[in-house]
Amino acid sequence: MKSTRKGLREGELEKDTYGRLTCSDCGKSLATKNDPDEVYTVRHCPECDREWKELR
């Protein structure tokens, strides 16, 4: 699983005008899975089920 910063650099993710992360393949806004036992938050695309991690 890649980080959101790496996904932005590689063109897999885009930021819209309000700073929200969107999937560049399908254009959907990313949803969040927050596990309290982990150091990072998982951001996933509800359309294509790809995932990226984001440090808190």
PDB file of N, CA and C in Angstrom:
ATOM      1  N   MET A   1       0.848  -1.159   0.000  1.00  0.00           N
ATOM      2  CA  MET A   1       0.000   0.000   0.000  1.00  0.00           C
ATOM      3  C   MET A   1       0.906   1.237   0.000  1.00  0.00           C
ATOM      4  N   LYS A   2       0.665   2.143  -0.913  1.00  0.00           N
ATOM      5  CA  LYS A   2       1.453   3.357  -1.049  1.00  0.00           C
ATOM      6  C   LYS A   2       0.913   4.452  -0.144  1.00  0.00           C
ATOM      7  N   SER A   3       1.727   5.460   0.093  1.00  0.00           N
ATOM      8  CA  SER A   3       1.264   6.609   0.862  1.00  0.00           C
ATOM      9  C   SER A   3       0.529   7.578  -0.069  1.00  0.00           C
ATOM     10  N   THR A   4      -0.259   8.458   0.518  1.00  0.00           N
ATOM     11  CA  THR A   4      -1.000   9.434  -0.282  1.00  0.00           C
ATOM     12  C   THR A   4      -0.045  10.407  -0.962  1.00  0.00           C
ATOM     13  N   ARG A   5       1.055  10.745  -0.308  1.00  0.00           N
ATOM     14  CA  ARG A   5       2.033  11.656  -0.930  1.00  0.00           C
ATOM     15  C   ARG A   5       2.656  11.027  -2.176  1.00  0.00           C
ATOM     16  N   LYS A   6       2.971   9.735  -2.087  1.00  0.00           N
ATOM     17  CA  LYS A   6       3.527   9.028  -3.243  1.00  0.00           C
ATOM     18  C   LYS A   6       2.491   8.915  -4.361  1.00  0.00           C
ATOM     19  N   GLY A   7       1.231   8.684  -3.975  1.00  0.00           N
ATOM     20  CA  GLY A   7       0.156   8.624  -4.960  1.00  0.00           C
ATOM     21  C   GLY A   7      -0.040   9.950  -5.679  1.00  0.00           C
ATOM     22  N   LEU A   8       0.117  11.055  -4.962  1.00  0.00           N
ATOM     23  CA  LEU A   8       0.026  12.381  -5.589  1.00  0.00           C
ATOM     24  C   LEU A   8       1.174  12.600  -6.565  1.00  0.00           C
ATOM     25  N   ARG A   9       2.385  12.221  -6.148  1.00  0.00           N
ATOM     26  CA  ARG A   9       3.557  12.400  -7.020  1.00  0.00           C
ATOM     27  C   ARG A   9       3.473  11.555  -8.289  1.00  0.00           C
ATOM     28  N   GLU A  10       2.930  10.344  -8.170  1.00  0.00           N
ATOM     29  CA  GLU A  10       2.862   9.437  -9.320  1.00  0.00           C
ATOM     30  C   GLU A  10       1.618   9.651 -10.178  1.00  0.00           C
ATOM     31  N   GLY A  11       0.743  10.565  -9.784  1.00  0.00           N
ATOM     32  CA  GLY A  11      -0.435  10.865 -10.587  1.00  0.00           C
ATOM     33  C   GLY A  11      -1.626   9.970 -10.346  1.00  0.00           C
ATOM     34  N   GLU A  12      -1.568   9.112  -9.310  1.00  0.00           N
ATOM     35  CA  GLU A  12      -2.705   8.249  -8.993  1.00  0.00           C
ATOM     36  C   GLU A  12      -3.799   9.021  -8.270  1.00  0.00           C
ATOM     37  N   LEU A  13      -3.409  10.081  -7.550  1.00  0.00           N
ATOM     38  CA  LEU A  13      -4.345  10.911  -6.796  1.00  0.00           C
ATOM     39  C   LEU A  13      -4.238  12.351  -7.261  1.00  0.00           C
ATOM     40  N   GLU A  14      -5.316  13.094  -7.066  1.00  0.00           N
ATOM     41  CA  GLU A  14      -5.336  14.519  -7.381  1.00  0.00           C
ATOM     42  C   GLU A  14      -6.010  15.241  -6.230  1.00  0.00           C
ATOM     43  N   LYS A  15      -5.664  16.507  -6.056  1.00  0.00           N
ATOM     44  CA  LYS A  15      -6.356  17.342  -5.072  1.00  0.00           C
ATOM     45  C   LYS A  15      -7.273  18.280  -5.829  1.00  0.00           C
ATOM     46  N   ASP A  16      -8.509  18.445  -5.320  1.00  0.00           N
ATOM     47  CA  ASP A  16      -9.417  19.392  -5.956  1.00  0.00           C
ATOM     48  C   ASP A  16      -9.179  20.786  -5.377  1.00  0.00           C
ATOM     49  N   THR A  17      -9.988  21.738  -5.746  1.00  0.00           N
ATOM     50  CA  THR A  17      -9.768  23.120  -5.339  1.00  0.00           C
ATOM     51  C   THR A  17      -9.941  23.320  -3.835  1.00  0.00           C
ATOM     52  N   TYR A  18     -10.612  22.404  -3.161  1.00  0.00           N
ATOM     53  CA  TYR A  18     -10.798  22.501  -1.717  1.00  0.00           C
ATOM     54  C   TYR A  18      -9.797  21.655  -0.935  1.00  0.00           C
ATOM     55  N   GLY A  19      -8.836  21.016  -1.614  1.00  0.00           N
ATOM     56  CA  GLY A  19      -7.819  20.214  -0.956  1.00  0.00           C
ATOM     57  C   GLY A  19      -8.221  18.783  -0.681  1.00  0.00           C
ATOM     58  N   ARG A  20      -9.371  18.339  -1.194  1.00  0.00           N
ATOM     59  CA  ARG A  20      -9.800  16.956  -1.004  1.00  0.00           C
ATOM     60  C   ARG A  20      -9.079  16.054  -2.001  1.00  0.00           C
ATOM     61  N   LEU A  21      -8.748  14.857  -1.555  1.00  0.00           N
ATOM     62  CA  LEU A  21      -8.076  13.897  -2.421  1.00  0.00           C
ATOM     63  C   LEU A  21      -9.103  13.141  -3.258  1.00  0.00           C
ATOM     64  N   THR A  22      -8.823  13.022  -4.555  1.00  0.00           N
ATOM     65  CA  THR A  22      -9.687  12.271  -5.455  1.00  0.00           C
ATOM     66  C   THR A  22      -8.846  11.280  -6.245  1.00  0.00           C
ATOM     67  N   CYS A  23      -9.452  10.172  -6.616  1.00  0.00           N
ATOM     68  CA  CYS A  23      -8.797   9.151  -7.435  1.00  0.00           C
ATOM     69  C   CYS A  23      -8.723   9.678  -8.868  1.00  0.00           C
ATOM     70  N   SER A  24      -7.553   9.604  -9.476  1.00  0.00           N
ATOM     71  CA  SER A  24      -7.420  10.129 -10.837  1.00  0.00           C
ATOM     72  C   SER A  24      -8.022   9.187 -11.880  1.00  0.00           C
ATOM     73  N   ASP A  25      -8.193   7.895 -11.562  1.00  0.00           N
ATOM     74  CA  ASP A  25      -8.783   6.953 -12.511  1.00  0.00           C
ATOM     75  C   ASP A  25     -10.286   7.157 -12.674  1.00  0.00           C
ATOM     76  N   CYS A  26     -11.002   7.250 -11.546  1.00  0.00           N
ATOM     77  CA  CYS A  26     -12.460   7.339 -11.641  1.00  0.00           C
ATOM     78  C   CYS A  26     -13.019   8.690 -11.201  1.00  0.00           C
ATOM     79  N   GLY A  27     -12.200   9.555 -10.601  1.00  0.00           N
ATOM     80  CA  GLY A  27     -12.642  10.890 -10.228  1.00  0.00           C
ATOM     81  C   GLY A  27     -13.463  10.972  -8.953  1.00  0.00           C
ATOM     82  N   LYS A  28     -13.544   9.885  -8.194  1.00  0.00           N
ATOM     83  CA  LYS A  28     -14.319   9.865  -6.949  1.00  0.00           C
ATOM     84  C   LYS A  28     -13.461  10.367  -5.788  1.00  0.00           C
ATOM     85  N   SER A  29     -14.105  11.015  -4.831  1.00  0.00           N
ATOM     86  CA  SER A  29     -13.433  11.473  -3.616  1.00  0.00           C
ATOM     87  C   SER A  29     -13.118  10.267  -2.736  1.00  0.00           C
ATOM     88  N   LEU A  30     -11.960  10.292  -2.062  1.00  0.00           N
ATOM     89  CA  LEU A  30     -11.543   9.162  -1.240  1.00  0.00           C
ATOM     90  C   LEU A  30     -12.278   9.127   0.090  1.00  0.00           C
ATOM     91  N   ALA A  31     -12.596   7.931   0.541  1.00  0.00           N
ATOM     92  CA  ALA A  31     -13.206   7.717   1.849  1.00  0.00           C
ATOM     93  C   ALA A  31     -12.099   7.347   2.842  1.00  0.00           C
ATOM     94  N   THR A  32     -12.431   7.352   4.128  1.00  0.00           N
ATOM     95  CA  THR A  32     -11.435   7.122   5.173  1.00  0.00           C
ATOM     96  C   THR A  32     -11.819   5.925   6.027  1.00  0.00           C
ATOM     97  N   LYS A  33     -10.825   5.077   6.296  1.00  0.00           N
ATOM     98  CA  LYS A  33     -10.955   3.993   7.273  1.00  0.00           C
ATOM     99  C   LYS A  33      -9.968   4.319   8.389  1.00  0.00           C
ATOM    100  N   ASN A  34     -10.466   4.530   9.602  1.00  0.00           N
ATOM    101  CA  ASN A  34      -9.614   4.933  10.706  1.00  0.00           C
ATOM    102  C   ASN A  34      -9.556   3.825  11.747  1.00  0.00           C
ATOM    103  N   ASP A  35      -8.425   3.129  11.831  1.00  0.00           N
ATOM    104  CA  ASP A  35      -8.212   2.086  12.834  1.00  0.00           C
ATOM    105  C   ASP A  35      -7.438   2.708  13.993  1.00  0.00           C
ATOM    106  N   PRO A  36      -7.986   2.732  15.211  1.00  0.00           N
ATOM    107  CA  PRO A  36      -7.303   3.391  16.320  1.00  0.00           C
ATOM    108  C   PRO A  36      -5.997   2.722  16.740  1.00  0.00           C
ATOM    109  N   ASP A  37      -5.777   1.476  16.351  1.00  0.00           N
ATOM    110  CA  ASP A  37      -4.544   0.779  16.723  1.00  0.00           C
ATOM    111  C   ASP A  37      -3.396   1.052  15.762  1.00  0.00           C
ATOM    112  N   GLU A  38      -3.646   1.693  14.646  1.00  0.00           N
ATOM    113  CA  GLU A  38      -2.609   1.965  13.650  1.00  0.00           C
ATOM    114  C   GLU A  38      -2.142   3.417  13.735  1.00  0.00           C
ATOM    115  N   VAL A  39      -0.940   3.672  13.241  1.00  0.00           N
ATOM    116  CA  VAL A  39      -0.367   5.012  13.233  1.00  0.00           C
ATOM    117  C   VAL A  39      -0.879   5.818  12.038  1.00  0.00           C
ATOM    118  N   TYR A  40      -1.399   5.140  11.057  1.00  0.00           N
ATOM    119  CA  TYR A  40      -1.843   5.800   9.829  1.00  0.00           C
ATOM    120  C   TYR A  40      -3.338   5.588   9.600  1.00  0.00           C
ATOM    121  N   THR A  41      -3.893   6.413   8.725  1.00  0.00           N
ATOM    122  CA  THR A  41      -5.284   6.309   8.296  1.00  0.00           C
ATOM    123  C   THR A  41      -5.288   5.752   6.882  1.00  0.00           C
ATOM    124  N   VAL A  42      -6.193   4.843   6.600  1.00  0.00           N
ATOM    125  CA  VAL A  42      -6.289   4.270   5.256  1.00  0.00           C
ATOM    126  C   VAL A  42      -7.315   5.075   4.465  1.00  0.00           C
ATOM    127  N   ARG A  43      -6.904   5.595   3.320  1.00  0.00           N
ATOM    128  CA  ARG A  43      -7.799   6.302   2.405  1.00  0.00           C
ATOM    129  C   ARG A  43      -8.069   5.361   1.248  1.00  0.00           C
ATOM    130  N   HIS A  44      -9.325   5.167   0.901  1.00  0.00           N
ATOM    131  CA  HIS A  44      -9.654   4.227  -0.176  1.00  0.00           C
ATOM    132  C   HIS A  44     -10.676   4.845  -1.114  1.00  0.00           C
ATOM    133  N   CYS A  45     -10.620   4.391  -2.352  1.00  0.00           N
ATOM    134  CA  CYS A  45     -11.558   4.833  -3.381  1.00  0.00           C
ATOM    135  C   CYS A  45     -12.753   3.889  -3.361  1.00  0.00           C
ATOM    136  N   PRO A  46     -13.967   4.405  -3.156  1.00  0.00           N
ATOM    137  CA  PRO A  46     -15.142   3.525  -3.105  1.00  0.00           C
ATOM    138  C   PRO A  46     -15.496   2.911  -4.463  1.00  0.00           C
ATOM    139  N   GLU A  47     -15.030   3.495  -5.546  1.00  0.00           N
ATOM    140  CA  GLU A  47     -15.359   3.008  -6.886  1.00  0.00           C
ATOM    141  C   GLU A  47     -14.435   1.871  -7.322  1.00  0.00           C
ATOM    142  N   CYS A  48     -13.110   2.072  -7.214  1.00  0.00           N
ATOM    143  CA  CYS A  48     -12.167   1.071  -7.740  1.00  0.00           C
ATOM    144  C   CYS A  48     -11.428   0.294  -6.648  1.00  0.00           C
ATOM    145  N   ASP A  49     -11.711   0.560  -5.361  1.00  0.00           N
ATOM    146  CA  ASP A  49     -11.170  -0.179  -4.212  1.00  0.00           C
ATOM    147  C   ASP A  49      -9.655  -0.133  -4.082  1.00  0.00           C
ATOM    148  N   ARG A  50      -9.013   0.889  -4.591  1.00  0.00           N
ATOM    149  CA  ARG A  50      -7.579   1.075  -4.364  1.00  0.00           C
ATOM    150  C   ARG A  50      -7.381   1.784  -3.033  1.00  0.00           C
ATOM    151  N   GLU A  51      -6.245   1.533  -2.356  1.00  0.00           N
ATOM    152  CA  GLU A  51      -6.018   2.093  -1.028  1.00  0.00           C
ATOM    153  C   GLU A  51      -4.657   2.775  -0.943  1.00  0.00           C
ATOM    154  N   TRP A  52      -4.613   3.813  -0.118  1.00  0.00           N
ATOM    155  CA  TRP A  52      -3.388   4.546   0.194  1.00  0.00           C
ATOM    156  C   TRP A  52      -3.382   4.818   1.683  1.00  0.00           C
ATOM    157  N   LYS A  53      -2.189   4.906   2.284  1.00  0.00           N
ATOM    158  CA  LYS A  53      -2.133   5.225   3.706  1.00  0.00           C
ATOM    159  C   LYS A  53      -1.668   6.663   3.894  1.00  0.00           C
ATOM    160  N   GLU A  54      -2.161   7.262   4.969  1.00  0.00           N
ATOM    161  CA  GLU A  54      -1.864   8.654   5.267  1.00  0.00           C
ATOM    162  C   GLU A  54      -1.483   8.737   6.743  1.00  0.00           C
ATOM    163  N   LEU A  55      -0.285   9.243   7.022  1.00  0.00           N
ATOM    164  CA  LEU A  55       0.147   9.370   8.409  1.00  0.00           C
ATOM    165  C   LEU A  55      -0.667  10.416   9.133  1.00  0.00           C
ATOM    166  N   ARG A  56      -0.972  10.170  10.383  1.00  0.00           N
ATOM    167  CA  ARG A  56      -1.750  11.124  11.177  1.00  0.00           C
ATOM    168  C   ARG A  56      -0.875  12.158  11.789  1.00  0.00           C
TER     169      ARG A  56
END
